[in-house]
């Protein structure tokens, strides 16, 4: 498993996405970042499955955040 995960975020509308940075690949770091972005019921996360498989998707779903898996 990778040590870090990179995040890019976009608000609703047509504003360009922005890079949020890399975080430690842990449930705690993921919860902390999501907490900065908003309430779980307000967030929609799209996740590109990579070397971590579906781990991030499952972690987000556990805290009530909708996460769609992308396969590019």
N, C-alpha and C. Protein backbone atom coordinates (compact mmCIF):
# COMPACT_ATOMS: atom_id res chain seq x y z
N UNK A 1 0.85 -1.18 0.00
CA UNK A 1 0.00 0.00 0.00
C UNK A 1 0.89 1.23 0.00
N UNK A 2 0.46 2.25 -0.72
CA UNK A 2 1.19 3.51 -0.77
C UNK A 2 1.16 4.20 0.60
N UNK A 3 2.19 5.00 0.88
CA UNK A 3 2.27 5.73 2.15
C UNK A 3 1.39 6.97 2.17
N UNK A 4 1.16 7.57 0.99
CA UNK A 4 0.37 8.79 0.92
C UNK A 4 -0.68 8.68 -0.18
N UNK A 5 -1.66 9.56 -0.09
CA UNK A 5 -2.72 9.67 -1.09
C UNK A 5 -2.87 11.14 -1.44
N UNK A 6 -2.99 11.46 -2.73
CA UNK A 6 -3.15 12.84 -3.18
C UNK A 6 -4.62 13.15 -3.40
N UNK A 7 -5.01 14.41 -3.09
CA UNK A 7 -6.40 14.83 -3.24
C UNK A 7 -6.50 16.10 -4.05
N UNK A 8 -7.50 16.10 -4.94
CA UNK A 8 -7.87 17.27 -5.72
C UNK A 8 -9.35 17.49 -5.46
N UNK A 9 -9.75 18.74 -5.24
CA UNK A 9 -11.14 19.01 -4.93
C UNK A 9 -11.73 20.10 -5.80
N UNK A 10 -13.02 20.01 -6.01
CA UNK A 10 -13.74 21.04 -6.76
C UNK A 10 -15.07 21.30 -6.09
N UNK A 11 -15.45 22.56 -6.05
CA UNK A 11 -16.75 22.94 -5.54
C UNK A 11 -17.76 22.81 -6.68
N UNK A 12 -19.03 22.85 -6.33
CA UNK A 12 -20.07 22.82 -7.37
C UNK A 12 -19.92 24.03 -8.27
N UNK A 13 -20.29 23.85 -9.50
CA UNK A 13 -20.18 24.95 -10.46
C UNK A 13 -19.04 24.71 -11.42
N UNK A 14 -18.53 25.79 -11.95
CA UNK A 14 -17.52 25.67 -12.99
C UNK A 14 -16.14 26.14 -12.57
N UNK A 15 -15.93 26.29 -11.28
CA UNK A 15 -14.60 26.68 -10.81
C UNK A 15 -13.63 25.52 -11.04
N UNK A 16 -12.38 25.84 -11.36
CA UNK A 16 -11.41 24.75 -11.58
C UNK A 16 -11.13 23.99 -10.28
N UNK A 17 -10.80 22.74 -10.44
CA UNK A 17 -10.40 21.92 -9.29
C UNK A 17 -9.08 22.45 -8.74
N UNK A 18 -8.84 22.19 -7.46
CA UNK A 18 -7.58 22.62 -6.86
C UNK A 18 -6.96 21.45 -6.10
N UNK A 19 -5.66 21.45 -6.06
CA UNK A 19 -4.90 20.39 -5.40
C UNK A 19 -4.89 20.65 -3.90
N UNK A 20 -5.34 19.68 -3.12
CA UNK A 20 -5.39 19.81 -1.66
C UNK A 20 -4.12 19.30 -1.01
N UNK A 21 -3.33 18.55 -1.75
CA UNK A 21 -2.09 18.03 -1.20
C UNK A 21 -2.15 16.53 -0.98
N UNK A 22 -1.08 16.02 -0.42
CA UNK A 22 -0.98 14.60 -0.11
C UNK A 22 -1.14 14.42 1.39
N UNK A 23 -1.85 13.37 1.76
CA UNK A 23 -2.02 13.05 3.17
C UNK A 23 -1.50 11.64 3.42
N UNK A 24 -1.20 11.36 4.66
CA UNK A 24 -0.82 10.01 5.06
C UNK A 24 -1.97 9.07 4.70
N UNK A 25 -1.66 7.92 4.22
CA UNK A 25 -2.68 6.95 3.83
C UNK A 25 -3.17 6.21 5.07
N UNK A 26 -4.00 6.89 5.85
CA UNK A 26 -4.56 6.29 7.07
C UNK A 26 -6.00 6.77 7.24
N UNK A 27 -6.83 5.99 7.92
CA UNK A 27 -8.22 6.41 8.15
C UNK A 27 -8.29 7.73 8.92
N UNK A 28 -7.41 7.94 9.87
CA UNK A 28 -7.42 9.17 10.66
C UNK A 28 -7.14 10.40 9.81
N UNK A 29 -6.13 10.32 8.95
CA UNK A 29 -5.79 11.46 8.08
C UNK A 29 -6.92 11.74 7.09
N UNK A 30 -7.55 10.68 6.59
CA UNK A 30 -8.65 10.85 5.64
C UNK A 30 -9.84 11.53 6.33
N UNK A 31 -10.19 11.08 7.54
CA UNK A 31 -11.29 11.71 8.29
C UNK A 31 -11.00 13.18 8.57
N UNK A 32 -9.75 13.49 8.91
CA UNK A 32 -9.37 14.88 9.21
C UNK A 32 -9.56 15.77 7.98
N UNK A 33 -9.09 15.30 6.82
CA UNK A 33 -9.25 16.08 5.59
C UNK A 33 -10.72 16.26 5.24
N UNK A 34 -11.49 15.19 5.30
CA UNK A 34 -12.91 15.28 4.96
C UNK A 34 -13.63 16.24 5.92
N UNK A 35 -13.23 16.25 7.18
CA UNK A 35 -13.82 17.17 8.15
C UNK A 35 -13.60 18.62 7.79
N UNK A 36 -12.46 18.91 7.15
CA UNK A 36 -12.17 20.28 6.70
C UNK A 36 -13.05 20.68 5.52
N UNK A 37 -13.49 19.70 4.75
CA UNK A 37 -14.23 19.97 3.52
C UNK A 37 -15.73 20.15 3.72
N UNK A 38 -16.27 19.57 4.79
CA UNK A 38 -17.70 19.71 5.03
C UNK A 38 -18.27 18.54 5.79
N UNK A 39 -19.57 18.59 5.96
CA UNK A 39 -20.29 17.52 6.64
C UNK A 39 -20.41 16.31 5.71
N UNK A 40 -20.38 15.10 6.26
CA UNK A 40 -20.43 13.91 5.40
C UNK A 40 -21.58 13.90 4.40
N UNK A 41 -22.77 14.35 4.82
CA UNK A 41 -23.92 14.32 3.91
C UNK A 41 -23.83 15.37 2.81
N UNK A 42 -22.89 16.31 2.90
CA UNK A 42 -22.72 17.35 1.88
C UNK A 42 -21.65 16.99 0.86
N UNK A 43 -20.87 15.94 1.12
CA UNK A 43 -19.73 15.62 0.27
C UNK A 43 -20.04 14.51 -0.71
N UNK A 44 -19.44 14.61 -1.88
CA UNK A 44 -19.43 13.54 -2.87
C UNK A 44 -17.98 13.39 -3.30
N UNK A 45 -17.44 12.23 -3.12
CA UNK A 45 -16.04 11.97 -3.44
C UNK A 45 -15.98 11.00 -4.61
N UNK A 46 -15.13 11.30 -5.57
CA UNK A 46 -14.83 10.38 -6.67
C UNK A 46 -13.40 9.92 -6.46
N UNK A 47 -13.22 8.65 -6.53
CA UNK A 47 -11.93 8.05 -6.19
C UNK A 47 -11.45 7.18 -7.33
N UNK A 48 -10.22 7.44 -7.80
CA UNK A 48 -9.63 6.61 -8.84
C UNK A 48 -8.93 5.43 -8.18
N UNK A 49 -9.46 4.26 -8.38
CA UNK A 49 -8.86 3.07 -7.78
C UNK A 49 -7.45 2.87 -8.32
N UNK A 50 -6.55 2.62 -7.43
CA UNK A 50 -5.16 2.39 -7.81
C UNK A 50 -4.57 1.31 -6.93
N UNK A 51 -3.35 1.51 -6.48
CA UNK A 51 -2.68 0.47 -5.71
C UNK A 51 -3.32 0.18 -4.36
N UNK A 52 -4.18 1.07 -3.87
CA UNK A 52 -4.84 0.81 -2.58
C UNK A 52 -6.18 0.13 -2.76
N UNK A 53 -6.55 -0.21 -3.99
CA UNK A 53 -7.80 -0.91 -4.22
C UNK A 53 -9.00 -0.08 -3.81
N UNK A 54 -9.91 -0.67 -3.05
CA UNK A 54 -11.12 0.00 -2.61
C UNK A 54 -11.04 0.47 -1.17
N UNK A 55 -9.86 0.50 -0.60
CA UNK A 55 -9.69 0.85 0.82
C UNK A 55 -10.27 2.23 1.12
N UNK A 56 -9.92 3.22 0.34
CA UNK A 56 -10.39 4.59 0.59
C UNK A 56 -11.90 4.66 0.46
N UNK A 57 -12.46 4.02 -0.53
CA UNK A 57 -13.91 4.02 -0.69
C UNK A 57 -14.59 3.45 0.55
N UNK A 58 -14.10 2.34 1.06
CA UNK A 58 -14.70 1.73 2.25
C UNK A 58 -14.54 2.63 3.48
N UNK A 59 -13.40 3.29 3.62
CA UNK A 59 -13.19 4.18 4.76
C UNK A 59 -14.17 5.35 4.72
N UNK A 60 -14.39 5.93 3.55
CA UNK A 60 -15.32 7.04 3.41
C UNK A 60 -16.75 6.60 3.69
N UNK A 61 -17.13 5.45 3.17
CA UNK A 61 -18.48 4.96 3.39
C UNK A 61 -18.75 4.70 4.87
N UNK A 62 -17.74 4.28 5.61
CA UNK A 62 -17.91 4.03 7.05
C UNK A 62 -18.29 5.29 7.81
N UNK A 63 -17.86 6.46 7.32
CA UNK A 63 -18.18 7.72 8.01
C UNK A 63 -19.32 8.47 7.31
N UNK A 64 -20.03 7.78 6.40
CA UNK A 64 -21.22 8.35 5.79
C UNK A 64 -20.99 9.26 4.60
N UNK A 65 -19.83 9.15 3.96
CA UNK A 65 -19.53 9.99 2.79
C UNK A 65 -19.72 9.15 1.52
N UNK A 66 -20.54 9.68 0.61
CA UNK A 66 -20.77 9.00 -0.66
C UNK A 66 -19.49 9.04 -1.48
N UNK A 67 -19.05 7.88 -1.94
CA UNK A 67 -17.81 7.79 -2.72
C UNK A 67 -18.05 6.95 -3.95
N UNK A 68 -17.80 7.55 -5.11
CA UNK A 68 -17.95 6.86 -6.38
C UNK A 68 -16.56 6.42 -6.84
N UNK A 69 -16.46 5.20 -7.31
CA UNK A 69 -15.18 4.67 -7.76
C UNK A 69 -15.03 4.88 -9.26
N UNK A 70 -13.92 5.48 -9.67
CA UNK A 70 -13.64 5.73 -11.08
C UNK A 70 -12.58 4.74 -11.55
N UNK A 71 -12.72 4.26 -12.73
CA UNK A 71 -11.71 3.39 -13.31
C UNK A 71 -11.29 4.01 -14.63
N UNK A 72 -10.11 4.58 -14.62
CA UNK A 72 -9.63 5.29 -15.81
C UNK A 72 -8.66 4.45 -16.60
